[in-house]
Protein backbone atom coordinates (compact mmCIF):
# COMPACT_ATOMS: atom_id res chain seq x y z
CA MET A 1 -36.47 -73.55 73.56
CA SER A 2 -34.27 -70.65 74.67
CA GLY A 3 -32.20 -70.34 77.82
CA LYS A 4 -29.96 -73.33 77.12
CA SER A 5 -26.30 -73.62 78.07
CA ILE A 6 -24.36 -74.11 74.85
CA LEU A 7 -20.67 -74.82 74.33
CA TYR A 8 -19.51 -73.78 70.88
CA ILE A 9 -16.23 -75.38 69.87
CA GLY A 10 -14.77 -72.96 67.34
CA GLY A 11 -17.25 -70.13 67.40
CA THR A 12 -15.51 -67.53 65.22
CA GLY A 13 -15.70 -69.05 61.73
CA THR A 14 -17.96 -68.27 58.81
CA ILE A 15 -20.76 -70.49 60.04
CA SER A 16 -20.19 -70.71 63.78
CA ALA A 17 -19.90 -66.96 64.42
CA ALA A 18 -23.40 -66.41 63.07
CA CYS A 19 -24.72 -69.28 65.20
CA VAL A 20 -23.12 -67.84 68.34
CA ALA A 21 -24.76 -64.50 67.62
CA ARG A 22 -28.14 -66.13 67.03
CA SER A 23 -27.91 -68.14 70.26
CA LEU A 24 -27.18 -64.97 72.21
CA GLU A 25 -30.19 -63.29 70.61
CA ARG A 26 -32.32 -66.23 71.74
CA GLY A 27 -31.21 -65.79 75.34
CA ASP A 28 -28.94 -68.82 75.59
CA SER A 29 -25.92 -69.01 77.87
CA VAL A 30 -23.07 -69.26 75.38
CA THR A 31 -19.52 -70.45 75.99
CA VAL A 32 -16.99 -70.39 73.14
CA LEU A 33 -13.98 -72.68 73.34
CA ASN A 34 -11.06 -72.15 70.99
CA ARG A 35 -7.35 -71.36 71.02
CA GLY A 36 -7.96 -67.63 71.28
CA THR A 37 -6.85 -66.96 67.71
CA GLY A 38 -10.19 -66.85 65.93
CA ARG A 39 -11.07 -64.85 62.85
CA GLN A 40 -13.05 -62.33 64.87
CA PRO A 41 -13.61 -61.37 68.51
CA ILE A 42 -16.02 -63.28 70.73
CA PRO A 43 -19.18 -61.14 70.97
CA ASP A 44 -20.27 -59.47 74.17
CA GLY A 45 -22.42 -61.75 76.26
CA ALA A 46 -20.50 -64.93 75.40
CA GLU A 47 -17.94 -66.50 77.69
CA SER A 48 -14.55 -67.19 76.14
CA VAL A 49 -12.61 -70.30 77.17
CA VAL A 50 -9.12 -70.70 75.72
CA ALA A 51 -8.08 -74.30 75.11
CA ASP A 52 -6.96 -76.61 72.32
CA ALA A 53 -10.09 -78.57 71.40
CA ARG A 54 -7.93 -81.45 70.15
CA ASP A 55 -5.99 -81.81 73.41
CA ARG A 56 -7.98 -83.73 76.04
CA GLN A 57 -6.03 -82.38 78.97
CA SER A 58 -6.18 -78.79 77.73
CA VAL A 59 -9.98 -79.02 77.53
CA ARG A 60 -10.30 -80.74 80.90
CA ASP A 61 -8.15 -78.08 82.54
CA ALA A 62 -10.22 -75.31 80.96
CA LEU A 63 -13.71 -76.71 81.59
CA GLY A 64 -13.27 -78.75 84.75
CA ASP A 65 -16.42 -80.75 85.42
CA ARG A 66 -18.81 -78.34 83.72
CA GLU A 67 -21.83 -79.71 81.87
CA PHE A 68 -23.80 -78.18 78.98
CA ASP A 69 -27.21 -78.67 77.46
CA VAL A 70 -25.58 -78.62 74.03
CA VAL A 71 -22.04 -79.05 72.72
CA ALA A 72 -21.71 -77.82 69.12
CA GLN A 73 -18.55 -78.99 67.38
CA PHE A 74 -17.48 -76.89 64.38
CA VAL A 75 -13.78 -77.75 64.09
CA ALA A 76 -13.56 -81.55 64.08
CA PHE A 77 -12.64 -83.07 60.74
CA THR A 78 -11.35 -86.58 61.46
CA PRO A 79 -12.60 -89.60 63.42
CA ALA A 80 -9.70 -89.22 65.87
CA GLN A 81 -10.86 -85.70 66.73
CA VAL A 82 -14.44 -86.90 67.19
CA ALA A 83 -13.24 -89.75 69.37
CA THR A 84 -11.56 -87.17 71.60
CA ASP A 85 -14.86 -85.34 71.89
CA ILE A 86 -16.76 -88.50 72.80
CA ASP A 87 -14.26 -89.09 75.58
CA LEU A 88 -14.57 -85.50 76.78
CA TYR A 89 -18.30 -84.86 76.56
CA GLU A 90 -20.15 -88.15 76.86
CA GLY A 91 -22.32 -87.91 79.97
CA ARG A 92 -21.76 -84.15 80.19
CA THR A 93 -24.19 -82.88 77.55
CA GLY A 94 -27.77 -83.47 76.52
CA GLN A 95 -26.89 -83.07 72.84
CA TYR A 96 -23.66 -83.26 70.88
CA VAL A 97 -23.99 -81.56 67.48
CA PHE A 98 -21.45 -82.41 64.83
CA ILE A 99 -21.06 -80.17 61.80
CA SER A 100 -20.46 -82.48 58.88
CA SER A 101 -20.74 -81.46 55.21
CA ALA A 102 -23.23 -81.81 52.37
CA SER A 103 -20.21 -82.65 50.21
CA ALA A 104 -20.44 -86.07 51.87
CA TYR A 105 -23.51 -86.85 49.79
CA GLU A 106 -22.92 -89.08 46.79
CA LYS A 107 -20.92 -87.42 43.99
CA PRO A 108 -21.95 -87.25 41.30
CA PRO A 109 -25.54 -87.30 42.59
CA ARG A 110 -27.74 -89.84 40.83
CA ARG A 111 -30.89 -87.79 41.42
CA LEU A 112 -31.99 -84.40 42.65
CA PRO A 113 -33.04 -83.04 45.02
CA ILE A 114 -30.58 -84.39 47.55
CA THR A 115 -32.19 -85.49 50.82
CA GLU A 116 -30.87 -86.90 54.08
CA SER A 117 -31.45 -90.40 52.66
CA THR A 118 -29.09 -89.79 49.73
CA PRO A 119 -26.10 -92.14 50.13
CA LEU A 120 -22.88 -90.75 51.59
CA ARG A 121 -20.07 -91.35 49.12
CA ASN A 122 -17.43 -89.03 47.70
CA PRO A 123 -14.53 -90.69 45.86
CA PHE A 124 -13.00 -87.33 44.91
CA TRP A 125 -12.38 -85.54 48.21
CA GLN A 126 -10.66 -86.85 51.34
CA TYR A 127 -12.24 -84.08 53.42
CA SER A 128 -15.69 -85.49 52.63
CA ARG A 129 -14.64 -89.07 53.30
CA ASP A 130 -13.28 -88.03 56.69
CA LYS A 131 -16.58 -86.35 57.53
CA ILE A 132 -18.42 -89.54 56.57
CA ALA A 133 -16.15 -91.54 58.87
CA CYS A 134 -16.88 -89.08 61.69
CA GLU A 135 -20.60 -89.54 61.14
CA ASP A 136 -20.22 -93.32 61.18
CA LEU A 137 -18.42 -93.16 64.53
CA LEU A 138 -21.09 -90.94 66.06
CA MET A 139 -24.03 -92.96 64.75
CA SER A 140 -22.43 -96.10 66.12
CA ALA A 141 -22.13 -94.46 69.55
CA PHE A 142 -25.78 -93.40 69.33
CA ARG A 143 -26.97 -96.89 68.43
CA GLU A 144 -24.79 -98.74 70.90
CA ARG A 145 -25.08 -96.53 73.98
CA GLU A 146 -27.50 -93.72 73.14
CA LEU A 147 -24.96 -90.93 72.83
CA PRO A 148 -27.28 -87.95 72.17
CA ILE A 149 -25.91 -86.82 68.82
CA THR A 150 -27.23 -84.64 66.01
CA ILE A 151 -25.48 -84.37 62.66
CA VAL A 152 -25.74 -81.23 60.54
CA ARG A 153 -24.73 -81.06 56.89
CA PRO A 154 -24.22 -77.56 55.47
CA SER A 155 -23.43 -76.97 51.84
CA HIS A 156 -21.76 -73.77 50.60
CA THR A 157 -22.32 -71.27 53.41
CA TYR A 158 -20.80 -67.79 53.20
CA ASP A 159 -20.84 -64.48 55.05
CA HIS A 160 -19.61 -60.93 54.45
CA ARG A 161 -15.99 -62.16 54.42
CA LEU A 162 -16.01 -65.44 52.46
CA LEU A 163 -16.24 -65.07 48.69
CA PRO A 164 -17.68 -68.24 47.13
CA THR A 165 -15.81 -68.23 43.80
CA LEU A 166 -12.71 -70.27 42.95
CA GLY A 167 -10.30 -67.39 43.54
CA GLY A 168 -12.07 -65.34 46.19
CA TRP A 169 -10.81 -61.76 46.18
CA THR A 170 -8.32 -62.68 43.45
CA ASP A 171 -11.30 -63.12 41.13
CA VAL A 172 -12.56 -59.63 41.94
CA ALA A 173 -9.10 -58.18 41.36
CA ARG A 174 -8.90 -59.94 38.02
CA MET A 175 -12.34 -58.70 37.01
CA ARG A 176 -11.34 -55.12 37.78
CA ALA A 177 -8.03 -55.54 35.92
CA GLY A 178 -9.79 -56.85 32.82
CA LYS A 179 -8.09 -60.23 33.13
CA PRO A 180 -9.81 -63.54 32.30
CA VAL A 181 -11.81 -64.97 35.18
CA LEU A 182 -12.30 -68.73 35.18
CA ILE A 183 -15.72 -70.33 35.59
CA HIS A 184 -15.67 -74.11 35.78
CA GLY A 185 -17.63 -76.06 33.19
CA ASP A 186 -20.09 -74.06 31.13
CA GLY A 187 -21.32 -72.18 34.19
CA THR A 188 -24.86 -73.53 33.96
CA SER A 189 -24.68 -76.08 36.79
CA LEU A 190 -26.88 -75.25 39.76
CA TRP A 191 -25.29 -74.36 43.07
CA THR A 192 -26.93 -73.82 46.45
CA LEU A 193 -25.57 -70.82 48.34
CA THR A 194 -26.66 -70.15 51.92
CA HIS A 195 -25.87 -67.03 53.92
CA SER A 196 -24.58 -67.76 57.42
CA GLU A 197 -27.32 -65.65 59.02
CA ASP A 198 -29.96 -67.87 57.41
CA PHE A 199 -28.04 -71.02 58.33
CA ALA A 200 -27.94 -69.91 61.97
CA VAL A 201 -31.73 -69.85 62.17
CA GLY A 202 -31.94 -73.49 61.12
CA PHE A 203 -29.03 -74.56 63.28
CA THR A 204 -30.08 -72.94 66.54
CA GLY A 205 -33.61 -74.23 66.04
CA LEU A 206 -32.25 -77.77 66.35
CA LEU A 207 -30.37 -77.12 69.59
CA GLY A 208 -32.13 -78.74 72.50
CA HIS A 209 -34.86 -80.14 70.25
CA PRO A 210 -35.64 -83.70 71.39
CA ASP A 211 -36.66 -84.80 67.90
CA ALA A 212 -33.20 -83.91 66.58
CA ILE A 213 -31.43 -86.57 68.64
CA GLY A 214 -30.02 -89.42 66.58
CA GLU A 215 -30.82 -87.62 63.34
CA ALA A 216 -28.96 -85.92 60.48
CA PHE A 217 -30.17 -82.69 58.88
CA THR A 218 -29.20 -80.80 55.76
CA ILE A 219 -29.12 -77.06 56.42
CA THR A 220 -29.17 -75.09 53.19
CA GLY A 221 -31.38 -72.41 51.78
CA ASP A 222 -33.46 -72.74 48.61
CA HIS A 223 -31.45 -70.17 46.64
CA VAL A 224 -30.00 -72.13 43.71
CA PRO A 225 -28.38 -69.90 41.07
CA THR A 226 -26.09 -71.05 38.29
CA TRP A 227 -22.38 -70.36 38.60
CA ASN A 228 -22.72 -67.89 35.72
CA GLN A 229 -25.20 -65.93 37.84
CA VAL A 230 -22.94 -66.07 40.89
CA TYR A 231 -19.99 -64.60 38.99
CA ARG A 232 -22.18 -62.03 37.24
CA TRP A 233 -23.64 -60.79 40.53
CA LEU A 234 -20.14 -60.50 41.96
CA ALA A 235 -18.99 -58.52 38.92
CA ASN A 236 -21.98 -56.21 39.24
CA ALA A 237 -21.22 -55.64 42.92
CA ALA A 238 -17.59 -54.90 42.03
CA GLY A 239 -18.67 -52.35 39.41
CA VAL A 240 -17.40 -54.36 36.44
CA GLU A 241 -19.80 -54.08 33.50
CA SER A 242 -18.07 -56.39 31.02
CA PRO A 243 -16.04 -59.02 32.85
CA ASP A 244 -13.96 -61.43 30.77
CA PHE A 245 -15.35 -64.82 31.79
CA VAL A 246 -13.62 -67.91 30.44
CA HIS A 247 -15.29 -71.31 30.83
CA VAL A 248 -12.93 -74.19 31.44
CA ALA A 249 -13.72 -77.85 32.08
CA SER A 250 -13.42 -78.76 35.75
CA GLU A 251 -11.11 -81.65 34.87
CA THR A 252 -8.80 -79.26 33.03
CA ILE A 253 -8.62 -76.88 36.00
CA ALA A 254 -7.92 -79.80 38.32
CA ARG A 255 -5.17 -81.10 36.04
CA LEU A 256 -3.45 -77.75 35.60
CA HIS A 257 -3.80 -76.65 39.24
CA PRO A 258 -4.23 -79.78 41.39
CA ALA A 259 -4.85 -77.82 44.60
CA LEU A 260 -8.30 -76.92 43.26
CA GLY A 261 -9.11 -80.46 42.16
CA PRO A 262 -10.63 -82.18 45.22
CA GLY A 263 -13.14 -79.47 46.09
CA LEU A 264 -13.98 -78.86 42.46
CA LEU A 265 -14.41 -82.45 41.31
CA GLY A 266 -15.80 -83.56 44.66
CA ASP A 267 -18.34 -80.79 45.07
CA ARG A 268 -18.59 -77.59 43.00
CA SER A 269 -18.66 -79.14 39.55
CA HIS A 270 -21.93 -80.98 40.27
CA SER A 271 -25.38 -79.43 40.37
CA VAL A 272 -26.68 -79.59 43.92
CA VAL A 273 -30.27 -78.93 44.94
CA PHE A 274 -31.41 -79.92 48.43
CA ASP A 275 -34.75 -80.82 49.98
CA THR A 276 -34.76 -79.46 53.54
CA ALA A 277 -38.26 -80.57 54.50
CA LYS A 278 -36.87 -82.59 57.40
CA LEU A 279 -35.26 -79.51 58.92
CA ARG A 280 -38.25 -77.26 58.28
CA ALA A 281 -40.55 -79.72 60.02
CA LEU A 282 -38.68 -78.98 63.26
CA VAL A 283 -37.67 -75.38 62.51
CA PRO A 284 -40.55 -73.87 60.51
CA GLU A 285 -39.08 -70.35 60.69
CA PHE A 286 -36.09 -71.42 58.60
CA ARG A 287 -36.03 -69.88 55.12
CA THR A 288 -33.81 -67.98 52.70
CA THR A 289 -33.76 -64.25 53.39
CA ILE A 290 -30.44 -63.28 51.77
CA THR A 291 -29.83 -64.25 48.14
CA PHE A 292 -26.42 -63.88 46.55
CA ASP A 293 -27.20 -60.76 44.55
CA GLU A 294 -27.49 -59.06 47.96
CA GLY A 295 -24.73 -61.22 49.45
CA ALA A 296 -22.30 -60.10 46.75
CA ARG A 297 -22.99 -56.44 47.53
CA ARG A 298 -22.33 -57.08 51.23
CA LEU A 299 -19.10 -58.90 50.44
CA VAL A 300 -17.67 -56.20 48.19
CA ALA A 301 -18.73 -53.46 50.61
CA HIS A 302 -16.94 -55.24 53.45
CA TYR A 303 -13.75 -55.64 51.45
CA GLU A 304 -13.90 -52.02 50.33
CA ALA A 305 -14.23 -50.97 53.97
CA HIS A 306 -11.24 -53.17 54.89
CA PRO A 307 -8.50 -52.68 52.28
CA GLU A 308 -6.19 -54.96 54.25
CA LEU A 309 -8.38 -57.87 53.17
CA GLN A 310 -7.87 -57.16 49.47
CA VAL A 311 -5.03 -59.63 49.12
CA LEU A 312 -4.14 -60.98 45.69
CA ASP A 313 -3.09 -64.62 45.79
CA GLU A 314 -0.12 -64.39 43.44
CA GLU A 315 0.26 -68.15 43.01
CA LEU A 316 -3.42 -68.57 42.16
CA ASP A 317 -3.37 -65.49 39.94
CA ALA A 318 -0.50 -66.97 37.92
CA ALA A 319 -2.27 -70.33 37.75
CA PHE A 320 -5.41 -68.66 36.42
CA ASP A 321 -3.30 -66.94 33.73
CA ARG A 322 -1.85 -70.28 32.64
CA ILE A 323 -5.19 -72.07 32.65
CA ALA A 324 -6.93 -69.27 30.75
CA ALA A 325 -4.14 -69.21 28.15
CA THR A 326 -4.41 -72.97 27.71
CA ALA A 327 -8.19 -72.83 27.40
CA LEU A 328 -8.19 -69.91 24.99
CA GLY A 329 -5.43 -71.53 22.95
CA SER A 330 -7.46 -74.70 22.55
CA LEU A 331 -10.45 -72.65 21.44
CA ASN A 332 -8.33 -70.69 18.92
CA PRO A 333 -5.72 -73.18 17.70
CA GLN A 334 -4.72 -71.00 14.73
CA THR A 335 -3.64 -68.06 16.91
């Protein structure tokens, strides 16, 4: 199923950059549309089109009357943005792929593993509710007029730049400084982490696949460590033998630093294990090849090679100090 013409909207993010690279490896004709300010350069072999994906006229001016076998939308987050896409691409593509989110699945989950038939409901996070509304709009267009859509739901996908912990590089800096590093809950909840290179295998395998039309697919690996393991592997990669981990209830973190609340209460604080049999039936080569013990080493090595990325978030660092002090004070009320 190679040799397709694919329009990637976005194309330079954590997930989409790996998918662009994989499509090029497969021999596809790849066009990347974005505002020209992506996180990394467009790779050789891909065509770059500069336009604002949310501006109809900007896209029309940039693409003219071009058609594509596949349009893959990575940067739409609201129904209004999806409605713009329907107006722009209906009748001009054989498949419109919308990247939704596995955080849209019911939280807290009533049963594991999570499958594509798990209800979509997240009362904690507006981001997830917006993704659900986008899916509803697309499925309605599929049912009513056969818009050739495919919905993809990734969970926590990372690469060599995106640290998966609450504080990102700030957590590594705190580990190395001997400061308390927060882990939500007791750290034993299960969390599915998927490397972007593995995700790209599953994603590109769906592009142009006739059995993917009108369907939704979870794309996650089967690597399901606890959060304690995730933080421990990151500490090992950072060369910290005895990190000071402090476990704090998710609700407490959300109360003391509300900016972390929606993603924490609406996603990370719940154990998530996924059944991807539906995806693997169409893309049998999909599997986990990079687990986070290796992923953590790649992340730290990349940051060490790029000191400019080692940015301490001072606001978050101060918040972590306050939360850790509160948590430790409640554990030692006599001190």
